[in-house]
Amino acid sequence: MTVVMPSGRWPPPPKEREKPGLPRSRWSGRCALFAGVLGLERIGAQSPFFGRGGDSIMALQLVSRARRTGIEVTSREVFPHPTVAALAEVAGELREDTAAEPAGTCVGELPLTPVVAWSAEQDVPTSRFRQSVLLRTPADASYETLAVGLRPLIDHHDALRLRLHDGRLLEVGPPGTVTPRLSVAQTGEAPSDEQRDAARDRLDPAAGVLHQAVCTRDPRGGRYPARSTEVLPARHGQGLMAALPRRP
């Protein structure tokens, strides 16, 4: 599910002049990074990343693309520095020994993103904003293996360790602090609408419950793990991929 901001919520960005400090070519390259992630033709150095349609998942994509071009920046730095100009003040040059952002880099308190702030104002339970995906696993994969496979996914993606405090503040817990939530449905079919709805109703952003996994058995032998992922701030679950650990 994609949460769409009401039209007119964000005023059109003012015409901007490039901020001095970086060569024009480097400003152009960094603006192109922002524009590419946001799906825009161009963006100015002072345009707000979240105000132009960005969300937390896109922030992770921005960090990944920036690091591939040699710019050292973390996902946590994007939130308080959401423009090209502001991020340039804190970004550095990537060294060989910092080629990958370690899990848990984004830990602690974060300001609300625009979509979270908007959804908190609506008279609708936040658990209604979610996304799910149906995956088929090997026939001999045990439930224990599936539970173990969820752990690195949660530890790697900071968004799955979020907690919403009173609709005013986001907090990301350290890796290892969120327990994989895997339930079993004894049925011969893929998860039913009722099972998906039950998993959705167990989502609780205020308690830090941002994922649910429901496993059923395929009549042909495989299992269906359907992960229902809360969309908070927006579209969490989109683009997430995980591999099950090798079985002995």
Foldseek 3Di string as FASTA:
>chain_A
DFDDDDPPPADDDDDDDADPDDPPVVQQVLQVLLCVLLVHPTDHQPDFSLSSPDDLVSLVVSCLVCLVVQKHDDSQQCQVQRGNNSRVVVIDGDDPVPSDDDFQPQFFKGWARPLLLVVLPDPDPLLVAWDKDKDWDDLPQDPVLVQVQVLVLCRRDQVLQWAQDPSGIIGGHHRPPDGAAEEEDEDQDADDPVRLVVQSVPADRNVSHFKHWYWYAHNVRIIMIMMMGRQVVHDPVPPRDTDGDDDD
